[in-house]
N, C-alpha and C. Protein backbone atom coordinates (compact mmCIF):
# COMPACT_ATOMS: atom_id res chain seq x y z
N MET A 1 45.02 0.75 -14.37
CA MET A 1 43.69 0.49 -14.83
C MET A 1 43.13 1.75 -15.49
N THR A 2 42.41 1.59 -16.58
CA THR A 2 41.85 2.74 -17.28
C THR A 2 40.43 3.00 -16.78
N PRO A 3 40.05 4.27 -16.65
CA PRO A 3 38.69 4.58 -16.19
C PRO A 3 37.66 4.22 -17.26
N LEU A 4 36.46 3.95 -16.81
CA LEU A 4 35.38 3.63 -17.73
C LEU A 4 34.99 4.86 -18.53
N ALA A 5 34.53 4.63 -19.75
CA ALA A 5 34.12 5.74 -20.61
C ALA A 5 32.80 6.35 -20.15
N PHE A 6 32.00 5.58 -19.41
CA PHE A 6 30.73 6.09 -18.89
C PHE A 6 30.52 5.49 -17.50
N PRO A 7 29.78 6.19 -16.64
CA PRO A 7 29.61 5.71 -15.27
C PRO A 7 28.75 4.45 -15.19
N LYS A 8 28.98 3.68 -14.15
CA LYS A 8 28.22 2.47 -13.92
C LYS A 8 26.78 2.85 -13.53
N PRO A 9 25.76 2.18 -14.08
CA PRO A 9 24.36 2.52 -13.74
C PRO A 9 24.06 2.10 -12.30
N PRO A 10 23.02 2.68 -11.70
CA PRO A 10 22.66 2.30 -10.33
C PRO A 10 22.23 0.83 -10.28
N SER A 11 22.48 0.19 -9.16
CA SER A 11 22.13 -1.23 -9.02
C SER A 11 20.61 -1.38 -8.95
N ARG A 12 20.14 -2.56 -9.31
CA ARG A 12 18.70 -2.85 -9.26
C ARG A 12 18.19 -2.75 -7.83
N LYS A 13 19.02 -3.17 -6.88
CA LYS A 13 18.65 -3.11 -5.48
C LYS A 13 18.41 -1.67 -5.03
N SER A 14 19.27 -0.75 -5.44
CA SER A 14 19.09 0.65 -5.05
C SER A 14 17.87 1.27 -5.75
N GLU A 15 17.58 0.84 -6.97
CA GLU A 15 16.38 1.33 -7.66
C GLU A 15 15.11 0.86 -6.95
N LYS A 16 15.10 -0.40 -6.53
CA LYS A 16 13.94 -0.93 -5.81
C LYS A 16 13.76 -0.23 -4.47
N ARG A 17 14.86 0.02 -3.78
CA ARG A 17 14.80 0.72 -2.49
C ARG A 17 14.21 2.10 -2.67
N ALA A 18 14.63 2.81 -3.71
CA ALA A 18 14.10 4.15 -3.99
C ALA A 18 12.62 4.09 -4.33
N ALA A 19 12.21 3.09 -5.11
CA ALA A 19 10.80 2.94 -5.48
C ALA A 19 9.94 2.65 -4.24
N ARG A 20 10.43 1.82 -3.33
CA ARG A 20 9.69 1.54 -2.09
C ARG A 20 9.53 2.79 -1.25
N GLN A 21 10.57 3.61 -1.21
CA GLN A 21 10.51 4.85 -0.43
C GLN A 21 9.48 5.82 -1.03
N VAL A 22 9.44 5.92 -2.34
CA VAL A 22 8.45 6.78 -3.01
C VAL A 22 7.04 6.29 -2.69
N ARG A 23 6.85 4.97 -2.73
CA ARG A 23 5.53 4.39 -2.43
C ARG A 23 5.13 4.67 -0.99
N ARG A 24 6.05 4.44 -0.04
CA ARG A 24 5.76 4.71 1.38
C ARG A 24 5.41 6.18 1.61
N THR A 25 6.13 7.07 0.97
CA THR A 25 5.88 8.50 1.11
C THR A 25 4.50 8.86 0.58
N GLN A 26 4.12 8.31 -0.57
CA GLN A 26 2.81 8.58 -1.17
C GLN A 26 1.70 8.05 -0.27
N ILE A 27 1.88 6.85 0.27
CA ILE A 27 0.86 6.26 1.15
C ILE A 27 0.68 7.12 2.40
N ALA A 28 1.78 7.55 3.01
CA ALA A 28 1.71 8.37 4.23
C ALA A 28 1.01 9.70 3.94
N LEU A 29 1.33 10.32 2.81
CA LEU A 29 0.72 11.59 2.44
C LEU A 29 -0.80 11.44 2.26
N ILE A 30 -1.21 10.43 1.50
CA ILE A 30 -2.63 10.23 1.23
C ILE A 30 -3.37 9.79 2.49
N ARG A 31 -2.74 8.95 3.33
CA ARG A 31 -3.38 8.53 4.58
C ARG A 31 -3.69 9.75 5.45
N ARG A 32 -2.76 10.68 5.50
CA ARG A 32 -2.96 11.91 6.29
C ARG A 32 -4.11 12.74 5.70
N LYS A 33 -4.10 12.93 4.38
CA LYS A 33 -5.15 13.74 3.73
C LYS A 33 -6.52 13.09 3.85
N VAL A 34 -6.59 11.77 3.65
CA VAL A 34 -7.86 11.05 3.73
C VAL A 34 -8.37 11.09 5.17
N GLY A 35 -7.46 10.98 6.14
CA GLY A 35 -7.84 11.06 7.55
C GLY A 35 -8.43 12.41 7.90
N GLN A 36 -7.93 13.48 7.26
CA GLN A 36 -8.49 14.81 7.49
C GLN A 36 -9.86 14.95 6.84
N ARG A 37 -10.05 14.33 5.67
CA ARG A 37 -11.33 14.41 4.97
C ARG A 37 -12.38 13.53 5.65
N ASP A 38 -12.00 12.30 5.98
CA ASP A 38 -12.94 11.33 6.55
C ASP A 38 -12.76 11.28 8.07
N ARG A 39 -13.52 12.09 8.77
CA ARG A 39 -13.44 12.11 10.24
C ARG A 39 -14.27 10.98 10.85
N ARG A 40 -15.05 10.32 10.02
CA ARG A 40 -15.88 9.20 10.46
C ARG A 40 -15.73 8.06 9.46
N CYS A 41 -16.04 6.86 9.92
CA CYS A 41 -16.00 5.68 9.05
C CYS A 41 -16.98 5.87 7.90
N ARG A 42 -16.57 5.57 6.68
CA ARG A 42 -17.43 5.76 5.51
C ARG A 42 -18.46 4.65 5.37
N VAL A 43 -18.38 3.58 6.18
CA VAL A 43 -19.37 2.50 6.13
C VAL A 43 -20.45 2.73 7.18
N CYS A 44 -20.06 2.85 8.46
CA CYS A 44 -21.05 2.93 9.54
C CYS A 44 -21.29 4.34 10.04
N GLY A 45 -20.40 5.28 9.76
CA GLY A 45 -20.60 6.67 10.15
C GLY A 45 -20.15 7.02 11.56
N GLU A 46 -19.63 6.05 12.32
CA GLU A 46 -19.16 6.33 13.68
C GLU A 46 -17.79 6.99 13.64
N GLY A 47 -17.49 7.75 14.69
CA GLY A 47 -16.17 8.37 14.82
C GLY A 47 -15.11 7.33 15.12
N PHE A 48 -13.85 7.73 15.05
CA PHE A 48 -12.74 6.82 15.28
C PHE A 48 -12.30 6.85 16.73
N GLY A 49 -11.77 5.73 17.21
CA GLY A 49 -11.28 5.62 18.58
C GLY A 49 -10.15 4.59 18.62
N TYR A 50 -10.24 3.67 19.55
CA TYR A 50 -9.21 2.64 19.72
C TYR A 50 -9.79 1.27 19.47
N GLY A 51 -8.93 0.28 19.32
CA GLY A 51 -9.36 -1.10 19.13
C GLY A 51 -10.04 -1.29 17.80
N GLU A 52 -11.27 -1.79 17.85
CA GLU A 52 -12.04 -2.06 16.62
C GLU A 52 -12.42 -0.77 15.90
N LEU A 53 -12.34 0.36 16.58
CA LEU A 53 -12.70 1.64 15.97
C LEU A 53 -11.49 2.36 15.40
N THR A 54 -10.35 1.68 15.31
CA THR A 54 -9.13 2.27 14.76
C THR A 54 -9.33 2.52 13.26
N PRO A 55 -8.92 3.70 12.76
CA PRO A 55 -9.09 3.96 11.33
C PRO A 55 -8.06 3.21 10.48
N GLU A 56 -8.52 2.68 9.36
CA GLU A 56 -7.65 2.03 8.38
C GLU A 56 -8.03 2.55 7.01
N MET A 57 -7.02 2.71 6.15
CA MET A 57 -7.27 3.21 4.80
C MET A 57 -7.61 2.03 3.89
N HIS A 58 -8.61 2.24 3.03
CA HIS A 58 -9.04 1.22 2.08
C HIS A 58 -9.08 1.83 0.69
N GLU A 59 -8.68 1.06 -0.31
CA GLU A 59 -8.73 1.52 -1.71
C GLU A 59 -10.00 0.97 -2.36
N LEU A 60 -10.77 1.84 -2.99
CA LEU A 60 -12.00 1.41 -3.66
C LEU A 60 -11.68 0.48 -4.82
N THR A 61 -10.71 0.85 -5.64
CA THR A 61 -10.20 -0.04 -6.69
C THR A 61 -8.96 -0.69 -6.11
N SER A 62 -8.97 -2.01 -6.02
CA SER A 62 -7.92 -2.71 -5.30
C SER A 62 -6.52 -2.50 -5.91
N ARG A 63 -5.53 -2.68 -5.03
CA ARG A 63 -4.14 -2.58 -5.48
C ARG A 63 -3.83 -3.66 -6.50
N ALA A 64 -4.47 -4.82 -6.37
CA ALA A 64 -4.23 -5.92 -7.31
C ALA A 64 -4.68 -5.53 -8.72
N ARG A 65 -5.82 -4.83 -8.82
CA ARG A 65 -6.32 -4.39 -10.14
C ARG A 65 -5.43 -3.30 -10.74
N LEU A 66 -4.76 -2.55 -9.88
CA LEU A 66 -3.92 -1.45 -10.35
C LEU A 66 -2.44 -1.80 -10.30
N ARG A 67 -2.13 -3.07 -10.18
CA ARG A 67 -0.74 -3.52 -10.10
C ARG A 67 0.07 -3.01 -11.29
N GLY A 68 1.27 -2.54 -10.99
CA GLY A 68 2.16 -2.04 -12.03
C GLY A 68 2.01 -0.56 -12.31
N ARG A 69 0.97 0.05 -11.77
CA ARG A 69 0.75 1.49 -11.95
C ARG A 69 1.58 2.26 -10.92
N PRO A 70 1.86 3.52 -11.19
CA PRO A 70 2.59 4.32 -10.20
C PRO A 70 1.77 4.52 -8.93
N PRO A 71 2.44 4.70 -7.78
CA PRO A 71 1.72 4.85 -6.51
C PRO A 71 0.71 5.99 -6.52
N GLU A 72 0.94 7.04 -7.30
CA GLU A 72 0.02 8.18 -7.35
C GLU A 72 -1.33 7.78 -7.95
N GLU A 73 -1.35 6.75 -8.81
CA GLU A 73 -2.61 6.29 -9.40
C GLU A 73 -3.37 5.36 -8.46
N ILE A 74 -2.66 4.67 -7.58
CA ILE A 74 -3.28 3.73 -6.65
C ILE A 74 -3.74 4.46 -5.39
N PHE A 75 -2.85 5.23 -4.80
CA PHE A 75 -3.12 5.91 -3.54
C PHE A 75 -3.38 7.38 -3.81
N ASN A 76 -4.66 7.73 -3.96
CA ASN A 76 -5.05 9.12 -4.19
C ASN A 76 -6.40 9.37 -3.52
N MET A 77 -6.79 10.61 -3.47
CA MET A 77 -8.00 11.01 -2.75
C MET A 77 -9.28 10.45 -3.37
N THR A 78 -9.30 10.16 -4.66
CA THR A 78 -10.51 9.64 -5.28
C THR A 78 -10.63 8.12 -5.13
N ASN A 79 -9.57 7.45 -4.70
CA ASN A 79 -9.59 5.99 -4.58
C ASN A 79 -9.56 5.51 -3.13
N CYS A 80 -9.22 6.36 -2.18
CA CYS A 80 -9.01 5.91 -0.80
C CYS A 80 -10.03 6.49 0.17
N VAL A 81 -10.45 5.66 1.12
CA VAL A 81 -11.37 6.06 2.18
C VAL A 81 -10.85 5.52 3.51
N MET A 82 -11.34 6.11 4.62
CA MET A 82 -11.01 5.62 5.95
C MET A 82 -12.20 4.83 6.49
N LEU A 83 -11.90 3.67 7.05
CA LEU A 83 -12.90 2.79 7.62
C LEU A 83 -12.44 2.33 9.00
N HIS A 84 -13.39 1.93 9.84
CA HIS A 84 -13.02 1.27 11.09
C HIS A 84 -12.37 -0.06 10.75
N ARG A 85 -11.58 -0.57 11.64
CA ARG A 85 -10.95 -1.87 11.42
C ARG A 85 -12.01 -2.94 11.15
N ARG A 86 -13.07 -2.95 11.96
CA ARG A 86 -14.10 -4.00 11.78
C ARG A 86 -14.84 -3.82 10.45
N CYS A 87 -15.10 -2.57 10.05
CA CYS A 87 -15.78 -2.32 8.77
C CYS A 87 -14.85 -2.66 7.61
N HIS A 88 -13.57 -2.39 7.76
CA HIS A 88 -12.59 -2.72 6.72
C HIS A 88 -12.58 -4.24 6.51
N ARG A 89 -12.64 -5.00 7.59
CA ARG A 89 -12.67 -6.46 7.50
C ARG A 89 -13.93 -6.90 6.74
N GLU A 90 -15.07 -6.26 7.05
CA GLU A 90 -16.32 -6.59 6.36
C GLU A 90 -16.20 -6.34 4.85
N VAL A 91 -15.56 -5.24 4.48
CA VAL A 91 -15.40 -4.90 3.06
C VAL A 91 -14.45 -5.87 2.38
N THR A 92 -13.31 -6.15 3.02
CA THR A 92 -12.32 -7.03 2.38
C THR A 92 -12.82 -8.47 2.30
N GLU A 93 -13.69 -8.86 3.22
CA GLU A 93 -14.28 -10.21 3.16
C GLU A 93 -15.55 -10.24 2.31
N ARG A 94 -15.84 -9.13 1.64
CA ARG A 94 -16.93 -8.99 0.68
C ARG A 94 -18.32 -9.19 1.28
N ARG A 95 -18.45 -8.85 2.56
CA ARG A 95 -19.78 -8.87 3.18
C ARG A 95 -20.45 -7.52 3.00
N VAL A 96 -19.65 -6.50 2.70
CA VAL A 96 -20.13 -5.15 2.43
C VAL A 96 -19.40 -4.67 1.18
N SER A 97 -20.14 -3.99 0.29
CA SER A 97 -19.48 -3.43 -0.90
C SER A 97 -19.60 -1.91 -0.88
N LEU A 98 -18.57 -1.26 -1.40
CA LEU A 98 -18.52 0.20 -1.50
C LEU A 98 -18.40 0.58 -2.97
N ALA A 99 -19.19 1.56 -3.37
CA ALA A 99 -19.11 2.05 -4.75
C ALA A 99 -19.40 3.55 -4.74
N PRO A 100 -18.60 4.34 -5.45
CA PRO A 100 -18.89 5.77 -5.51
C PRO A 100 -20.19 6.02 -6.28
N VAL A 101 -21.01 6.94 -5.77
CA VAL A 101 -22.25 7.31 -6.46
C VAL A 101 -21.91 8.00 -7.78
N ASP A 102 -20.92 8.88 -7.75
CA ASP A 102 -20.45 9.58 -8.95
C ASP A 102 -19.01 9.13 -9.22
N PRO A 103 -18.79 8.28 -10.22
CA PRO A 103 -17.45 7.77 -10.50
C PRO A 103 -16.41 8.87 -10.76
N ALA A 104 -16.85 10.01 -11.27
CA ALA A 104 -15.90 11.11 -11.53
C ALA A 104 -15.35 11.68 -10.22
N GLN A 105 -16.17 11.71 -9.18
CA GLN A 105 -15.73 12.21 -7.88
C GLN A 105 -15.05 11.12 -7.07
N GLY A 106 -15.40 9.88 -7.31
CA GLY A 106 -14.82 8.76 -6.56
C GLY A 106 -15.11 8.89 -5.08
N ALA A 107 -14.09 8.68 -4.25
CA ALA A 107 -14.23 8.72 -2.80
C ALA A 107 -14.45 10.13 -2.27
N ASN A 108 -14.24 11.15 -3.09
CA ASN A 108 -14.48 12.53 -2.65
C ASN A 108 -15.97 12.83 -2.55
N GLY A 109 -16.79 12.03 -3.22
CA GLY A 109 -18.23 12.21 -3.17
C GLY A 109 -18.89 11.18 -2.27
N SER A 110 -20.16 10.97 -2.46
CA SER A 110 -20.92 9.99 -1.67
C SER A 110 -20.58 8.58 -2.12
N LEU A 111 -20.70 7.65 -1.15
CA LEU A 111 -20.47 6.24 -1.45
C LEU A 111 -21.76 5.47 -1.23
N GLU A 112 -21.99 4.48 -2.08
CA GLU A 112 -23.11 3.57 -1.90
C GLU A 112 -22.59 2.36 -1.13
N VAL A 113 -23.18 2.10 0.02
CA VAL A 113 -22.78 0.98 0.87
C VAL A 113 -23.87 -0.07 0.81
N GLN A 114 -23.49 -1.28 0.39
CA GLN A 114 -24.46 -2.37 0.29
C GLN A 114 -23.98 -3.58 1.06
N LYS A 115 -24.86 -4.12 1.88
CA LYS A 115 -24.55 -5.36 2.60
C LYS A 115 -24.79 -6.51 1.65
N ALA A 116 -23.91 -7.51 1.69
CA ALA A 116 -24.07 -8.68 0.82
C ALA A 116 -25.25 -9.50 1.30
N ARG A 117 -26.00 -10.04 0.38
CA ARG A 117 -27.16 -10.86 0.73
C ARG A 117 -26.71 -12.31 0.86
N HIS A 118 -27.12 -12.93 1.93
CA HIS A 118 -26.81 -14.36 2.16
C HIS A 118 -28.09 -15.14 2.02
N ASP A 119 -28.27 -15.78 0.86
CA ASP A 119 -29.51 -16.54 0.61
C ASP A 119 -29.38 -17.94 1.12
């Protein structure tokens, strides 16, 4: 058998595995940094503990809106905040909205927290 003139490219499966690993690494890095910055929930201001007070990371601009972008654009310090589990549920169920006061600073600056009005 004759050797190939050029090497076989990596399989699609191995490329996807590598991409997932890069994403997981970026998420872990940002979760750690955001946890150091946000020692309290950005919605209610209480410290973190156990159960309903467990910290969870939330993206101000959703992953769905940023689909197809590199993980560094989705998971970064200007887009991510730490919230209590119960506050995170309130935000994802759209009972509370979060918006940066200064869009240039994003989550690094102050956030405007608004409760949804139920008429």
